[in-house]
C-alpha atoms as a PDB file:
ATOM      1  CA  UNK A   1       0.000   0.000   0.000  1.00  0.00           C
ATOM      2  CA  UNK A   2       1.237   3.454  -0.895  1.00  0.00           C
ATOM      3  CA  UNK A   3       0.524   6.029   1.834  1.00  0.00           C
ATOM      4  CA  UNK A   4       0.574   9.695   0.819  1.00  0.00           C
ATOM      5  CA  UNK A   5       0.058  12.877   2.818  1.00  0.00           C
ATOM      6  CA  UNK A   6      -2.131  15.513   1.157  1.00  0.00           C
ATOM      7  CA  UNK A   7      -3.619  18.795   2.322  1.00  0.00           C
ATOM      8  CA  UNK A   8      -6.898  20.440   1.352  1.00  0.00           C
ATOM      9  CA  UNK A   9      -7.062  21.183  -2.403  1.00  0.00           C
ATOM     10  CA  UNK A  10      -4.117  18.884  -3.140  1.00  0.00           C
ATOM     11  CA  UNK A  11      -4.598  15.833  -5.341  1.00  0.00           C
ATOM     12  CA  UNK A  12      -3.085  12.605  -6.593  1.00  0.00           C
ATOM     13  CA  UNK A  13      -3.295  11.182 -10.105  1.00  0.00           C
ATOM     14  CA  UNK A  14      -3.805   7.474 -10.817  1.00  0.00           C
ATOM     15  CA  UNK A  15      -2.863   6.382 -14.319  1.00  0.00           C
ATOM     16  CA  UNK A  16      -3.486   9.065 -16.916  1.00  0.00           C
ATOM     17  CA  UNK A  17      -7.078   9.931 -16.208  1.00  0.00           C
ATOM     18  CA  UNK A  18      -8.089   9.463 -12.559  1.00  0.00           C
ATOM     19  CA  UNK A  19      -7.663  12.322 -10.103  1.00  0.00           C
ATOM     20  CA  UNK A  20      -8.416  12.168  -6.379  1.00  0.00           C
ATOM     21  CA  UNK A  21      -8.568  15.560  -4.702  1.00  0.00           C
ATOM     22  CA  UNK A  22      -8.896  16.424  -1.013  1.00  0.00           C
ATOM     23  CA  UNK A  23     -11.970  18.640  -0.807  1.00  0.00           C
ATOM     24  CA  UNK A  24     -12.333  19.042   2.940  1.00  0.00           C
ATOM     25  CA  UNK A  25     -10.890  17.776   6.226  1.00  0.00           C
ATOM     26  CA  UNK A  26     -13.060  17.875   9.381  1.00  0.00           C
ATOM     27  CA  UNK A  27     -11.650  16.100  12.409  1.00  0.00           C
ATOM     28  CA  UNK A  28     -11.244  12.456  11.415  1.00  0.00           C
ATOM     29  CA  UNK A  29     -13.359  12.753   8.257  1.00  0.00           C
ATOM     30  CA  UNK A  30     -11.916  13.528   4.838  1.00  0.00           C
ATOM     31  CA  UNK A  31     -14.063  14.495   1.847  1.00  0.00           C
ATOM     32  CA  UNK A  32     -12.629  13.371  -1.495  1.00  0.00           C
ATOM     33  CA  UNK A  33     -13.440  14.455  -5.014  1.00  0.00           C
ATOM     34  CA  UNK A  34     -12.845  11.821  -7.695  1.00  0.00           C
ATOM     35  CA  UNK A  35     -12.591  12.590 -11.388  1.00  0.00           C
ATOM     36  CA  UNK A  36     -12.569   9.498 -13.579  1.00  0.00           C
ATOM     37  CA  UNK A  37     -13.884   8.404 -16.980  1.00  0.00           C
ATOM     38  CA  UNK A  38     -17.505   7.196 -16.958  1.00  0.00           C
ATOM     39  CA  UNK A  39     -16.207   3.746 -17.942  1.00  0.00           C
ATOM     40  CA  UNK A  40     -14.418   3.429 -14.570  1.00  0.00           C
ATOM     41  CA  UNK A  41     -16.800   2.440 -11.769  1.00  0.00           C
ATOM     42  CA  UNK A  42     -16.151   4.185  -8.449  1.00  0.00           C
ATOM     43  CA  UNK A  43     -17.695   2.692  -5.284  1.00  0.00           C
ATOM     44  CA  UNK A  44     -17.292   3.040  -1.550  1.00  0.00           C
ATOM     45  CA  UNK A  45     -15.605  -0.158  -0.390  1.00  0.00           C
ATOM     46  CA  UNK A  46     -18.592  -1.403   1.630  1.00  0.00           C
ATOM     47  CA  UNK A  47     -20.869  -0.955  -1.401  1.00  0.00           C
ATOM     48  CA  UNK A  48     -18.371  -2.755  -3.663  1.00  0.00           C
ATOM     49  CA  UNK A  49     -18.126  -5.681  -1.243  1.00  0.00           C
ATOM     50  CA  UNK A  50     -21.949  -5.932  -1.072  1.00  0.00           C
ATOM     51  CA  UNK A  51     -22.226  -5.931  -4.881  1.00  0.00           C
ATOM     52  CA  UNK A  52     -19.543  -8.611  -5.054  1.00  0.00           C
ATOM     53  CA  UNK A  53     -21.389 -10.757  -2.470  1.00  0.00           C
ATOM     54  CA  UNK A  54     -24.743 -10.273  -4.212  1.00  0.00           C
ATOM     55  CA  UNK A  55     -23.218 -11.319  -7.547  1.00  0.00           C
ATOM     56  CA  UNK A  56     -21.665 -14.384  -5.939  1.00  0.00           C
ATOM     57  CA  UNK A  57     -24.997 -15.416  -4.433  1.00  0.00           C
ATOM     58  CA  UNK A  58     -26.865 -14.766  -7.696  1.00  0.00           C
ATOM     59  CA  UNK A  59     -24.495 -16.998  -9.621  1.00  0.00           C
ATOM     60  CA  UNK A  60     -24.821 -19.940  -7.209  1.00  0.00           C
ATOM     61  CA  UNK A  61     -26.076 -23.157  -8.830  1.00  0.00           C
ATOM     62  CA  UNK A  62     -29.273 -23.217  -6.755  1.00  0.00           C
ATOM     63  CA  UNK A  63     -30.265 -19.801  -7.983  1.00  0.00           C
ATOM     64  CA  UNK A  64     -29.768 -20.854 -11.618  1.00  0.00           C
ATOM     65  CA  UNK A  65     -32.346 -23.615 -11.206  1.00  0.00           C
ATOM     66  CA  UNK A  66     -34.832 -21.139  -9.749  1.00  0.00           C
ATOM     67  CA  UNK A  67     -34.234 -18.795 -12.681  1.00  0.00           C
ATOM     68  CA  UNK A  68     -34.873 -21.620 -15.140  1.00  0.00           C
ATOM     69  CA  UNK A  69     -38.216 -22.267 -13.452  1.00  0.00           C
ATOM     70  CA  UNK A  70     -39.182 -18.629 -13.919  1.00  0.00           C
ATOM     71  CA  UNK A  71     -38.397 -18.771 -17.618  1.00  0.00           C
END
């Protein structure tokens, strides 16, 4: 993991087209602004993990049989 220190209004660049900028710092909370192409999905980690789990459950063999019944 790369750890960087940034102050308000400073940014980092990932690749050629993703920018993460520090918008605000309040106590222990940091507000980030992310600029990325529309083709790059950006999720909070907890949302990403839930999507990943939901996809895993949806692709389980038991669920495929239930889908076949619906069709």
